[in-house]
Protein backbone atom coordinates (compact mmCIF):
# COMPACT_ATOMS: atom_id res chain seq x y z
CA LEU A 1 -24.35 -42.24 11.55
CA ALA A 2 -25.58 -43.75 8.29
CA ALA A 3 -24.02 -40.80 6.49
CA GLY A 4 -20.69 -41.61 8.15
CA ARG A 5 -20.61 -38.51 10.29
CA LEU A 6 -21.70 -37.59 13.79
CA ALA A 7 -22.78 -34.13 14.82
CA PRO A 8 -20.25 -32.47 17.15
CA ALA A 9 -22.54 -32.94 20.17
CA ASP A 10 -23.04 -36.62 19.32
CA LEU A 11 -19.32 -37.09 18.78
CA ALA A 12 -18.65 -35.57 22.22
CA ALA A 13 -21.28 -37.87 23.74
CA ALA A 14 -19.66 -40.87 22.03
CA HIS A 15 -16.27 -39.86 23.39
CA ARG A 16 -17.69 -39.56 26.93
CA ALA A 17 -19.29 -43.00 26.55
CA LEU A 18 -16.00 -44.57 25.42
CA VAL A 19 -14.16 -43.02 28.37
CA ALA A 20 -16.91 -44.30 30.69
CA ALA A 21 -16.56 -47.79 29.18
CA ASP A 22 -12.83 -47.76 29.89
CA ARG A 23 -13.40 -46.54 33.43
CA ALA A 24 -16.18 -49.06 34.09
CA TRP A 25 -13.55 -51.65 35.04
CA VAL A 26 -11.76 -49.38 37.53
CA ASP A 27 -12.53 -49.96 41.20
CA PRO A 28 -11.20 -47.33 43.63
CA GLY A 29 -10.62 -50.02 46.26
CA GLY A 30 -8.32 -51.98 43.99
CA LEU A 31 -7.91 -55.72 43.80
CA ALA A 32 -8.16 -57.90 46.89
CA GLY A 33 -4.76 -57.83 48.58
CA ARG A 34 -3.35 -55.52 45.88
CA PRO A 35 -5.12 -52.15 46.14
CA TRP A 36 -2.61 -50.48 43.80
CA TYR A 37 -4.10 -52.47 40.89
CA ARG A 38 -7.53 -50.95 40.33
CA ASN A 39 -8.58 -52.58 37.04
CA LEU A 40 -11.05 -55.42 37.62
CA PHE A 41 -10.67 -56.69 34.06
CA ALA A 42 -6.94 -57.39 33.81
CA ALA A 43 -3.87 -57.29 36.03
CA PRO A 44 -0.55 -59.07 36.45
CA ASP A 45 -0.73 -62.36 38.30
CA ALA A 46 -0.21 -62.26 42.06
CA ASP A 47 2.82 -64.58 42.03
CA SER A 48 5.36 -63.43 39.45
CA GLY A 49 3.80 -60.25 38.13
CA TYR A 50 4.52 -61.36 34.56
CA ALA A 51 1.48 -63.38 33.55
CA ALA A 52 -1.70 -61.50 32.76
CA TRP A 53 -4.87 -62.48 34.59
CA VAL A 54 -8.24 -61.63 33.08
CA LEU A 55 -10.78 -60.97 35.84
CA PRO A 56 -7.97 -61.23 38.42
CA ASP A 57 -10.11 -61.20 41.58
CA LEU A 58 -12.17 -64.10 40.22
CA VAL A 59 -9.03 -66.04 39.28
CA ALA A 60 -7.46 -65.46 42.70
CA ALA A 61 -10.62 -66.57 44.51
CA VAL A 62 -10.94 -69.73 42.41
CA GLU A 63 -7.28 -70.62 42.86
CA ALA A 64 -7.61 -70.09 46.63
CA ARG A 65 -10.88 -72.05 46.67
CA ASP A 66 -12.37 -69.18 48.66
CA GLY A 67 -16.14 -69.08 48.18
CA ALA A 68 -16.61 -65.82 50.08
CA ALA A 69 -13.92 -64.09 48.02
CA LEU A 70 -15.47 -65.51 44.84
CA THR A 71 -18.88 -64.13 45.78
CA ALA A 72 -17.41 -60.70 46.59
CA ALA A 73 -15.38 -60.66 43.36
CA ALA A 74 -18.39 -61.71 41.31
CA GLU A 75 -20.44 -58.85 42.78
CA ARG A 76 -17.71 -56.33 41.96
CA VAL A 77 -17.49 -57.64 38.37
CA ARG A 78 -21.29 -57.53 38.13
CA SER A 79 -21.23 -53.86 39.13
CA ALA A 80 -18.53 -53.16 36.54
CA LEU A 81 -20.63 -54.90 33.87
CA PHE A 82 -23.62 -52.70 34.73
CA ARG A 83 -21.38 -49.63 34.35
CA LEU A 84 -20.12 -51.01 31.03
CA GLU A 85 -23.70 -51.64 29.89
CA ASP A 86 -24.60 -48.03 30.72
CA ALA A 87 -21.62 -46.81 28.70
CA ALA A 88 -22.57 -49.04 25.75
CA ARG A 89 -26.12 -47.70 25.79
CA ALA A 90 -24.83 -44.12 25.91
CA LEU A 91 -22.61 -44.85 22.92
CA ALA A 92 -25.53 -46.37 21.02
CA GLU A 93 -27.69 -43.36 21.88
CA ALA A 94 -24.97 -41.00 20.63
CA ALA A 95 -24.96 -42.93 17.36
CA GLY A 96 -28.76 -42.81 17.22
CA ALA A 97 -29.18 -46.57 17.65
CA ALA A 98 -31.03 -46.90 20.97
CA PRO A 99 -33.84 -44.92 22.57
CA ALA A 100 -33.09 -43.49 26.01
CA ALA A 101 -36.21 -45.15 27.45
CA ALA A 102 -34.65 -48.58 26.89
CA ARG A 103 -31.77 -47.85 29.30
CA ASP A 104 -32.94 -50.14 32.13
CA ALA A 105 -35.30 -52.39 30.19
CA SER A 106 -32.82 -55.23 29.73
CA ARG A 107 -31.70 -55.48 33.37
CA SER A 108 -33.28 -58.29 35.30
CA ALA A 109 -34.56 -57.55 38.79
CA GLU A 110 -32.08 -59.74 40.64
CA PRO A 111 -29.76 -62.32 39.11
CA ALA A 112 -29.12 -65.56 40.95
CA ALA A 113 -26.54 -65.36 43.71
CA VAL A 114 -23.10 -66.76 43.02
CA GLU A 115 -22.47 -69.83 45.14
CA PRO A 116 -19.18 -71.63 45.62
CA ALA A 117 -18.84 -74.93 43.79
CA ARG A 118 -19.48 -78.05 45.79
CA GLY A 119 -17.88 -81.41 45.18
CA GLY A 120 -14.62 -83.25 45.17
CA GLU A 121 -11.11 -81.90 45.06
CA ARG A 122 -9.18 -81.56 41.83
């Protein structure tokens, strides 16, 4: 990569990694209540369909003050982030920047569970 060129096999691997990164946000089950929208990263708002929501399942759960939905949405986003991390590592490996043995080294055993906020109303 320092020379500004990738070997054809590395270029193909980089392309596969970029496609995987794009697909990391896609969930076959779709968004809660809107299964036709499958992208967990961005979707139209649930009300008008005009505003864009980033992390739409999280936004919907927070707006509904639904702790169970928030926990489920957070787990789905967490899974997408792991898929995105895998794609980023594959891209780095294709560019010669990361050893394959480091693939799972940065993942913690178990992150803290997401709990609904406690406290007063808005």
